[in-house]
N, C-alpha and C. Protein backbone atom coordinates (compact mmCIF):
# COMPACT_ATOMS: atom_id res chain seq x y z
N MET A 1 82.77 101.03 103.56
CA MET A 1 83.95 100.19 103.52
C MET A 1 85.18 101.08 103.39
N LYS A 2 86.24 100.74 104.14
CA LYS A 2 87.50 101.46 104.09
C LYS A 2 88.60 100.50 103.62
N THR A 3 89.59 101.06 102.92
CA THR A 3 90.74 100.28 102.49
C THR A 3 91.83 100.39 103.55
N VAL A 4 92.50 99.27 103.85
CA VAL A 4 93.59 99.24 104.81
C VAL A 4 94.90 99.23 104.02
N VAL A 5 95.79 100.21 104.33
CA VAL A 5 97.01 100.42 103.56
C VAL A 5 98.23 100.35 104.47
N CYS A 6 99.31 99.71 104.00
CA CYS A 6 100.59 99.69 104.69
C CYS A 6 101.33 100.99 104.35
N THR A 7 101.80 101.72 105.35
CA THR A 7 102.50 102.98 105.09
C THR A 7 103.94 102.77 104.62
N PHE A 8 104.48 101.55 104.74
CA PHE A 8 105.84 101.30 104.29
C PHE A 8 105.88 101.01 102.79
N CYS A 9 105.09 100.05 102.34
CA CYS A 9 105.12 99.66 100.92
C CYS A 9 103.96 100.25 100.13
N ASN A 10 103.03 100.93 100.82
CA ASN A 10 101.87 101.59 100.21
C ASN A 10 100.93 100.61 99.51
N SER A 11 100.92 99.37 99.95
CA SER A 11 100.04 98.36 99.37
C SER A 11 98.68 98.39 100.04
N GLU A 12 97.64 98.17 99.24
CA GLU A 12 96.29 98.01 99.79
C GLU A 12 96.15 96.56 100.21
N LEU A 13 95.81 96.33 101.47
CA LEU A 13 95.87 94.99 102.05
C LEU A 13 94.51 94.37 102.33
N TYR A 14 93.66 95.12 103.00
CA TYR A 14 92.38 94.60 103.46
C TYR A 14 91.26 95.57 103.14
N ALA A 15 90.07 95.05 103.18
CA ALA A 15 88.87 95.88 103.15
C ALA A 15 88.27 95.80 104.54
N TYR A 16 88.11 96.95 105.18
CA TYR A 16 87.48 97.00 106.49
C TYR A 16 85.98 97.04 106.27
N ASP A 17 85.30 96.04 106.81
CA ASP A 17 83.85 95.96 106.65
C ASP A 17 83.25 95.81 108.04
N GLY A 18 83.29 96.90 108.79
CA GLY A 18 82.80 96.87 110.15
C GLY A 18 82.15 98.18 110.52
N PRO A 19 81.76 98.30 111.78
CA PRO A 19 81.05 99.50 112.23
C PRO A 19 81.96 100.72 112.35
N GLU A 20 81.32 101.87 112.40
CA GLU A 20 81.99 103.14 112.69
C GLU A 20 81.61 103.55 114.10
N PRO A 21 82.50 104.04 114.93
CA PRO A 21 83.92 104.19 114.67
C PRO A 21 84.59 102.83 114.50
N VAL A 22 85.77 102.84 113.88
CA VAL A 22 86.47 101.61 113.52
C VAL A 22 86.74 100.75 114.75
N GLN A 23 86.41 99.46 114.62
CA GLN A 23 86.69 98.47 115.66
C GLN A 23 87.73 97.51 115.11
N PHE A 24 88.86 97.42 115.79
CA PHE A 24 89.95 96.58 115.31
C PHE A 24 89.77 95.13 115.77
N LYS A 25 88.82 94.47 115.12
CA LYS A 25 88.57 93.05 115.35
C LYS A 25 88.96 92.32 114.07
N ALA A 26 89.61 91.20 114.21
CA ALA A 26 90.10 90.45 113.05
C ALA A 26 88.99 90.15 112.04
N SER A 27 87.79 89.88 112.52
CA SER A 27 86.69 89.52 111.62
C SER A 27 86.24 90.68 110.73
N ASN A 28 86.62 91.92 111.07
CA ASN A 28 86.23 93.08 110.27
C ASN A 28 87.17 93.34 109.10
N PHE A 29 88.28 92.60 109.00
CA PHE A 29 89.28 92.83 107.96
C PHE A 29 89.30 91.67 106.97
N LYS A 30 88.97 91.96 105.73
CA LYS A 30 88.93 90.94 104.67
C LYS A 30 90.11 91.15 103.72
N PRO A 31 90.98 90.13 103.54
CA PRO A 31 92.12 90.26 102.64
C PRO A 31 91.66 90.57 101.21
N LEU A 32 92.43 91.43 100.52
CA LEU A 32 92.09 91.78 99.14
C LEU A 32 92.61 90.76 98.14
N ARG A 33 93.48 89.85 98.58
CA ARG A 33 93.98 88.77 97.73
C ARG A 33 93.73 87.44 98.41
N PRO A 34 93.34 86.43 97.65
CA PRO A 34 93.02 85.14 98.28
C PRO A 34 94.22 84.45 98.92
N GLU A 35 95.45 84.76 98.50
CA GLU A 35 96.63 84.10 99.07
C GLU A 35 97.05 84.71 100.42
N TRP A 36 96.49 85.84 100.78
CA TRP A 36 96.80 86.46 102.07
C TRP A 36 95.90 85.86 103.13
N PRO A 37 96.46 85.53 104.29
CA PRO A 37 95.64 84.91 105.34
C PRO A 37 94.66 85.89 105.98
N GLN A 38 93.52 85.38 106.37
CA GLN A 38 92.55 86.16 107.13
C GLN A 38 93.13 86.37 108.53
N PRO A 39 93.17 87.61 109.03
CA PRO A 39 93.67 87.81 110.39
C PRO A 39 92.84 87.04 111.41
N LYS A 40 93.53 86.58 112.45
CA LYS A 40 92.85 85.86 113.53
C LYS A 40 93.04 86.65 114.82
N SER A 41 92.09 86.55 115.70
CA SER A 41 92.15 87.25 116.98
C SER A 41 93.44 86.88 117.72
N GLY A 42 94.17 87.91 118.18
CA GLY A 42 95.40 87.69 118.92
C GLY A 42 96.65 87.65 118.07
N ASP A 43 96.52 87.63 116.74
CA ASP A 43 97.67 87.62 115.85
C ASP A 43 98.41 88.94 115.90
N GLU A 44 99.73 88.91 115.67
CA GLU A 44 100.52 90.13 115.48
C GLU A 44 100.03 90.79 114.19
N LEU A 45 100.03 92.11 114.17
CA LEU A 45 99.64 92.83 112.97
C LEU A 45 100.88 93.11 112.13
N PHE A 46 100.88 92.63 110.89
CA PHE A 46 101.99 92.85 109.98
C PHE A 46 101.48 92.88 108.54
N CYS A 47 102.30 93.45 107.65
CA CYS A 47 101.93 93.54 106.24
C CYS A 47 102.23 92.22 105.54
N PRO A 48 101.25 91.63 104.83
CA PRO A 48 101.51 90.39 104.12
C PRO A 48 102.37 90.59 102.86
N VAL A 49 102.60 91.83 102.45
CA VAL A 49 103.41 92.11 101.27
C VAL A 49 104.88 92.30 101.63
N CYS A 50 105.17 93.23 102.57
CA CYS A 50 106.56 93.56 102.90
C CYS A 50 107.00 93.06 104.27
N ALA A 51 106.10 92.46 105.02
CA ALA A 51 106.35 91.87 106.35
C ALA A 51 106.66 92.91 107.42
N SER A 52 106.34 94.17 107.20
CA SER A 52 106.54 95.20 108.22
C SER A 52 105.54 95.00 109.36
N LYS A 53 106.03 95.12 110.59
CA LYS A 53 105.18 95.00 111.77
C LYS A 53 104.49 96.34 112.01
N PHE A 54 103.20 96.33 112.24
CA PHE A 54 102.44 97.54 112.49
C PHE A 54 102.48 97.90 113.97
N VAL A 55 102.70 99.19 114.25
CA VAL A 55 102.76 99.65 115.64
C VAL A 55 101.68 100.68 115.96
N GLY A 56 100.97 101.13 114.96
CA GLY A 56 99.93 102.13 115.16
C GLY A 56 99.01 102.20 113.97
N VAL A 57 98.06 103.11 114.07
CA VAL A 57 97.07 103.22 113.00
C VAL A 57 96.64 104.67 112.88
N SER A 58 96.33 105.06 111.64
CA SER A 58 95.78 106.38 111.37
C SER A 58 94.51 106.18 110.56
N VAL A 59 93.38 106.51 111.17
CA VAL A 59 92.10 106.36 110.49
C VAL A 59 91.82 107.67 109.76
N GLN A 60 91.77 107.59 108.43
CA GLN A 60 91.49 108.75 107.61
C GLN A 60 90.16 108.54 106.92
N ASN A 61 89.72 109.50 106.14
CA ASN A 61 88.38 109.50 105.57
C ASN A 61 87.96 108.15 105.00
N LYS A 62 88.65 107.66 103.97
CA LYS A 62 88.26 106.40 103.35
C LYS A 62 89.36 105.36 103.43
N GLN A 63 90.34 105.59 104.31
CA GLN A 63 91.45 104.66 104.46
C GLN A 63 91.78 104.45 105.94
N ILE A 64 92.33 103.28 106.19
CA ILE A 64 92.94 102.97 107.47
C ILE A 64 94.41 102.74 107.14
N ARG A 65 95.30 103.62 107.61
CA ARG A 65 96.71 103.55 107.30
C ARG A 65 97.45 102.94 108.48
N MET A 66 98.07 101.78 108.24
CA MET A 66 98.79 101.06 109.28
C MET A 66 100.21 101.62 109.35
N ILE A 67 100.64 102.03 110.54
CA ILE A 67 101.91 102.71 110.74
C ILE A 67 102.96 101.72 111.23
N ILE A 68 104.19 101.88 110.72
CA ILE A 68 105.30 101.04 111.15
C ILE A 68 106.28 101.87 111.96
N SER A 69 107.20 101.20 112.65
CA SER A 69 108.21 101.88 113.44
C SER A 69 109.48 102.05 112.61
N SER A 70 110.09 103.23 112.68
CA SER A 70 111.35 103.45 111.95
C SER A 70 112.46 102.57 112.52
N GLU A 71 112.37 102.18 113.77
CA GLU A 71 113.36 101.29 114.37
C GLU A 71 113.26 99.89 113.79
N TYR A 72 112.07 99.52 113.33
CA TYR A 72 111.85 98.18 112.78
C TYR A 72 112.30 98.06 111.33
N ARG A 73 111.96 99.04 110.50
CA ARG A 73 112.28 98.95 109.07
C ARG A 73 113.04 100.16 108.53
N GLY A 74 113.33 101.16 109.35
CA GLY A 74 114.13 102.29 108.90
C GLY A 74 113.36 103.35 108.15
N SER A 75 112.05 103.34 108.23
CA SER A 75 111.23 104.35 107.56
C SER A 75 109.87 104.41 108.25
N GLY A 76 109.13 105.46 107.97
CA GLY A 76 107.78 105.58 108.49
C GLY A 76 107.73 105.83 109.98
N ASN A 77 108.54 106.75 110.47
CA ASN A 77 108.64 107.04 111.91
C ASN A 77 107.26 107.28 112.51
N ALA A 78 106.93 106.50 113.52
CA ALA A 78 105.62 106.59 114.15
C ALA A 78 105.62 107.50 115.36
N GLY A 79 106.78 107.95 115.80
CA GLY A 79 106.84 108.79 116.99
C GLY A 79 106.56 107.98 118.24
N LYS A 80 106.03 108.61 119.26
CA LYS A 80 105.72 107.93 120.52
C LYS A 80 104.24 107.58 120.54
N LEU A 81 103.96 106.31 120.71
CA LEU A 81 102.58 105.83 120.77
C LEU A 81 102.20 105.51 122.19
């Protein structure tokens, strides 16, 4: 299991419970708080804590770090994806 983290607010959001290598399917992401909605297929990816829109991802050893655009929130420059 990997923890999914927002790189803007550094909040732990989801538990990834899926196969390796990581498959970005909504059903593989379980919210860590009951008030956060379960992602649905086709939904925009955003942080339920700070509302930052995700534009990329960095898969690290035990974390999946969701990257935001500096143009969107003024921090966390993702470069060219």
